[in-house]
Amino acid sequence: MILKRSEKYLSTLLGACLEIGPGDELVVLLPEEYRDFSELLCDEAYKRGAKKVYLNFEDEHARYVYYKNGSTEPYRWLSQETFEK
């Protein structure tokens, strides 16, 4: 039942929403826990003739550590005045 529902959702997503067709490339960025869904998405995209599907997975811990310890330089343009308005 769940697989049938997923297939219908994938068909709608790749067909009506994204219009994936022959020669298209698709970039998928999902959390690791959606790996099974991303594999179904990949299969369906290739069935529709996609040239290449790139699957990328986000790791919640790695993202947390990046923001906790990363440079604040990219956000320098955000000043206190921005938030006071």
N, C-alpha and C. Protein backbone atom coordinates (compact mmCIF):
# COMPACT_ATOMS: atom_id res chain seq x y z
N MET A 1 0.83 -1.21 0.00
CA MET A 1 0.00 0.00 0.00
C MET A 1 0.86 1.26 0.00
N ILE A 2 1.85 1.29 0.90
CA ILE A 2 2.72 2.47 0.99
C ILE A 2 3.52 2.64 -0.29
N LEU A 3 4.01 1.52 -0.84
CA LEU A 3 4.79 1.60 -2.07
C LEU A 3 3.94 2.13 -3.21
N LYS A 4 2.69 1.68 -3.33
CA LYS A 4 1.80 2.18 -4.38
C LYS A 4 1.56 3.68 -4.22
N ARG A 5 1.37 4.11 -2.99
CA ARG A 5 1.15 5.54 -2.72
C ARG A 5 2.41 6.33 -3.10
N SER A 6 3.57 5.79 -2.78
CA SER A 6 4.83 6.46 -3.11
C SER A 6 5.00 6.57 -4.62
N GLU A 7 4.65 5.52 -5.34
CA GLU A 7 4.79 5.54 -6.80
C GLU A 7 3.88 6.61 -7.41
N LYS A 8 2.68 6.74 -6.88
CA LYS A 8 1.75 7.76 -7.39
C LYS A 8 2.30 9.16 -7.08
N TYR A 9 2.83 9.33 -5.88
CA TYR A 9 3.42 10.61 -5.48
C TYR A 9 4.62 10.95 -6.35
N LEU A 10 5.48 9.96 -6.60
CA LEU A 10 6.66 10.18 -7.43
C LEU A 10 6.26 10.57 -8.85
N SER A 11 5.27 9.89 -9.37
CA SER A 11 4.80 10.19 -10.72
C SER A 11 4.31 11.63 -10.82
N THR A 12 3.57 12.06 -9.81
CA THR A 12 3.06 13.44 -9.78
C THR A 12 4.20 14.43 -9.62
N LEU A 13 5.10 14.14 -8.71
CA LEU A 13 6.23 15.03 -8.43
C LEU A 13 7.12 15.22 -9.66
N LEU A 14 7.53 14.10 -10.26
CA LEU A 14 8.46 14.19 -11.39
C LEU A 14 7.77 14.59 -12.69
N GLY A 15 6.51 14.25 -12.82
CA GLY A 15 5.79 14.58 -14.05
C GLY A 15 5.17 15.95 -14.03
N ALA A 16 4.15 16.12 -13.23
CA ALA A 16 3.39 17.37 -13.23
C ALA A 16 4.14 18.53 -12.58
N CYS A 17 4.86 18.26 -11.50
CA CYS A 17 5.53 19.36 -10.78
C CYS A 17 6.87 19.75 -11.40
N LEU A 18 7.74 18.78 -11.59
CA LEU A 18 9.09 19.09 -12.07
C LEU A 18 9.25 18.90 -13.57
N GLU A 19 8.32 18.19 -14.19
CA GLU A 19 8.36 17.93 -15.63
C GLU A 19 9.69 17.32 -16.07
N ILE A 20 10.15 16.31 -15.34
CA ILE A 20 11.39 15.63 -15.68
C ILE A 20 11.15 14.77 -16.91
N GLY A 21 12.03 14.92 -17.88
CA GLY A 21 11.90 14.18 -19.13
C GLY A 21 13.25 13.82 -19.70
N PRO A 22 13.27 13.30 -20.91
CA PRO A 22 14.52 12.88 -21.55
C PRO A 22 15.57 13.99 -21.58
N GLY A 23 16.77 13.65 -21.13
CA GLY A 23 17.89 14.58 -21.16
C GLY A 23 18.00 15.49 -19.96
N ASP A 24 17.01 15.49 -19.08
CA ASP A 24 17.05 16.36 -17.90
C ASP A 24 18.01 15.83 -16.84
N GLU A 25 18.50 16.75 -16.02
CA GLU A 25 19.30 16.38 -14.86
C GLU A 25 18.51 16.77 -13.62
N LEU A 26 18.64 15.96 -12.58
CA LEU A 26 17.89 16.18 -11.35
C LEU A 26 18.84 16.14 -10.17
N VAL A 27 18.78 17.15 -9.32
CA VAL A 27 19.57 17.18 -8.09
C VAL A 27 18.60 17.01 -6.93
N VAL A 28 18.87 16.02 -6.09
CA VAL A 28 18.01 15.70 -4.95
C VAL A 28 18.82 15.88 -3.67
N LEU A 29 18.32 16.71 -2.78
CA LEU A 29 18.96 16.94 -1.48
C LEU A 29 17.95 16.60 -0.40
N LEU A 30 18.23 15.54 0.33
CA LEU A 30 17.30 15.06 1.35
C LEU A 30 18.07 14.66 2.61
N PRO A 31 17.38 14.65 3.75
CA PRO A 31 18.00 14.10 4.95
C PRO A 31 18.25 12.59 4.77
N GLU A 32 19.24 12.08 5.46
CA GLU A 32 19.63 10.67 5.35
C GLU A 32 18.46 9.70 5.56
N GLU A 33 17.54 10.06 6.44
CA GLU A 33 16.44 9.13 6.74
C GLU A 33 15.47 8.94 5.58
N TYR A 34 15.61 9.72 4.52
CA TYR A 34 14.76 9.56 3.33
C TYR A 34 15.47 8.84 2.20
N ARG A 35 16.51 8.08 2.52
CA ARG A 35 17.29 7.38 1.50
C ARG A 35 16.41 6.45 0.66
N ASP A 36 15.53 5.69 1.28
CA ASP A 36 14.67 4.77 0.53
C ASP A 36 13.81 5.53 -0.49
N PHE A 37 13.24 6.64 -0.07
CA PHE A 37 12.43 7.45 -0.98
C PHE A 37 13.28 8.00 -2.12
N SER A 38 14.50 8.43 -1.80
CA SER A 38 15.36 9.00 -2.84
C SER A 38 15.72 7.96 -3.89
N GLU A 39 15.86 6.70 -3.49
CA GLU A 39 16.16 5.64 -4.45
C GLU A 39 14.98 5.43 -5.39
N LEU A 40 13.77 5.46 -4.85
CA LEU A 40 12.58 5.37 -5.70
C LEU A 40 12.49 6.56 -6.65
N LEU A 41 12.82 7.74 -6.14
CA LEU A 41 12.82 8.96 -6.94
C LEU A 41 13.82 8.85 -8.08
N CYS A 42 14.99 8.34 -7.76
CA CYS A 42 16.05 8.14 -8.76
C CYS A 42 15.59 7.17 -9.85
N ASP A 43 15.02 6.04 -9.44
CA ASP A 43 14.53 5.05 -10.40
C ASP A 43 13.49 5.65 -11.34
N GLU A 44 12.55 6.36 -10.78
CA GLU A 44 11.48 6.95 -11.58
C GLU A 44 12.02 8.01 -12.55
N ALA A 45 12.98 8.81 -12.09
CA ALA A 45 13.56 9.84 -12.96
C ALA A 45 14.27 9.21 -14.16
N TYR A 46 15.01 8.13 -13.91
CA TYR A 46 15.68 7.46 -15.03
C TYR A 46 14.68 6.78 -15.96
N LYS A 47 13.59 6.27 -15.42
CA LYS A 47 12.54 5.68 -16.28
C LYS A 47 11.95 6.75 -17.19
N ARG A 48 11.93 7.99 -16.72
CA ARG A 48 11.39 9.10 -17.52
C ARG A 48 12.42 9.66 -18.50
N GLY A 49 13.63 9.10 -18.49
CA GLY A 49 14.65 9.51 -19.45
C GLY A 49 15.66 10.52 -18.95
N ALA A 50 15.70 10.74 -17.65
CA ALA A 50 16.67 11.70 -17.10
C ALA A 50 18.09 11.30 -17.49
N LYS A 51 18.89 12.31 -17.81
CA LYS A 51 20.28 12.06 -18.20
C LYS A 51 21.12 11.71 -16.98
N LYS A 52 20.91 12.43 -15.88
CA LYS A 52 21.70 12.20 -14.67
C LYS A 52 20.89 12.61 -13.45
N VAL A 53 20.98 11.81 -12.39
CA VAL A 53 20.34 12.12 -11.12
C VAL A 53 21.43 12.17 -10.06
N TYR A 54 21.52 13.29 -9.38
CA TYR A 54 22.51 13.47 -8.31
C TYR A 54 21.79 13.37 -6.97
N LEU A 55 22.17 12.40 -6.15
CA LEU A 55 21.59 12.25 -4.82
C LEU A 55 22.56 12.77 -3.78
N ASN A 56 22.12 13.70 -2.98
CA ASN A 56 22.93 14.26 -1.91
C ASN A 56 22.15 14.14 -0.61
N PHE A 57 22.84 13.74 0.44
CA PHE A 57 22.17 13.56 1.72
C PHE A 57 22.76 14.49 2.76
N GLU A 58 21.88 15.12 3.50
CA GLU A 58 22.30 16.00 4.59
C GLU A 58 22.41 15.18 5.87
N ASP A 59 23.42 15.48 6.62
CA ASP A 59 23.58 14.86 7.92
C ASP A 59 23.29 15.93 8.97
N GLU A 60 22.32 15.68 9.81
CA GLU A 60 21.88 16.68 10.77
C GLU A 60 23.00 17.08 11.73
N HIS A 61 23.78 16.11 12.18
CA HIS A 61 24.86 16.42 13.11
C HIS A 61 25.94 17.27 12.43
N ALA A 62 26.31 16.91 11.21
CA ALA A 62 27.33 17.67 10.49
C ALA A 62 26.89 19.11 10.27
N ARG A 63 25.62 19.30 9.95
CA ARG A 63 25.09 20.66 9.76
C ARG A 63 25.14 21.44 11.07
N TYR A 64 24.78 20.78 12.17
CA TYR A 64 24.81 21.42 13.48
C TYR A 64 26.24 21.87 13.82
N VAL A 65 27.21 20.98 13.64
CA VAL A 65 28.60 21.31 13.95
C VAL A 65 29.10 22.43 13.06
N TYR A 66 28.71 22.43 11.79
CA TYR A 66 29.12 23.49 10.88
C TYR A 66 28.65 24.85 11.39
N TYR A 67 27.37 24.95 11.74
CA TYR A 67 26.85 26.24 12.19
C TYR A 67 27.36 26.62 13.57
N LYS A 68 27.63 25.64 14.40
CA LYS A 68 28.13 25.91 15.74
C LYS A 68 29.57 26.41 15.71
N ASN A 69 30.38 25.83 14.85
CA ASN A 69 31.81 26.13 14.83
C ASN A 69 32.29 26.87 13.59
N GLY A 70 31.41 27.05 12.63
CA GLY A 70 31.82 27.66 11.37
C GLY A 70 32.05 29.16 11.48
N SER A 71 32.57 29.71 10.44
CA SER A 71 32.84 31.14 10.36
C SER A 71 31.54 31.94 10.31
N THR A 72 31.54 33.07 10.93
CA THR A 72 30.38 33.96 10.87
C THR A 72 30.54 34.99 9.73
N GLU A 73 31.63 34.94 9.02
CA GLU A 73 31.91 35.89 7.94
C GLU A 73 30.78 36.00 6.91
N PRO A 74 30.21 34.87 6.45
CA PRO A 74 29.14 35.01 5.45
C PRO A 74 27.92 35.79 5.94
N TYR A 75 27.78 35.92 7.25
CA TYR A 75 26.61 36.59 7.82
C TYR A 75 26.94 37.98 8.35
N ARG A 76 28.11 38.47 8.01
CA ARG A 76 28.57 39.77 8.50
C ARG A 76 27.62 40.89 8.09
N TRP A 77 27.01 40.75 6.93
CA TRP A 77 26.10 41.80 6.44
C TRP A 77 24.87 41.94 7.33
N LEU A 78 24.57 40.92 8.10
CA LEU A 78 23.44 41.01 9.03
C LEU A 78 23.90 41.78 10.27
N SER A 79 23.42 42.95 10.41
CA SER A 79 23.79 43.73 11.57
C SER A 79 22.64 43.78 12.55
N GLN A 80 22.88 44.30 13.71
CA GLN A 80 21.82 44.43 14.71
C GLN A 80 20.71 45.33 14.18
N GLU A 81 21.08 46.32 13.35
CA GLU A 81 20.08 47.23 12.79
C GLU A 81 19.06 46.48 11.95
N THR A 82 19.49 45.43 11.28
CA THR A 82 18.59 44.63 10.45
C THR A 82 17.44 44.08 11.29
N PHE A 83 17.76 43.66 12.51
CA PHE A 83 16.76 43.03 13.35
C PHE A 83 15.94 44.04 14.16
N GLU A 84 16.44 45.26 14.26
CA GLU A 84 15.73 46.29 15.03
C GLU A 84 14.63 46.96 14.23
N LYS A 85 14.65 46.81 12.92
CA LYS A 85 13.67 47.50 12.06
C LYS A 85 12.32 46.86 12.13
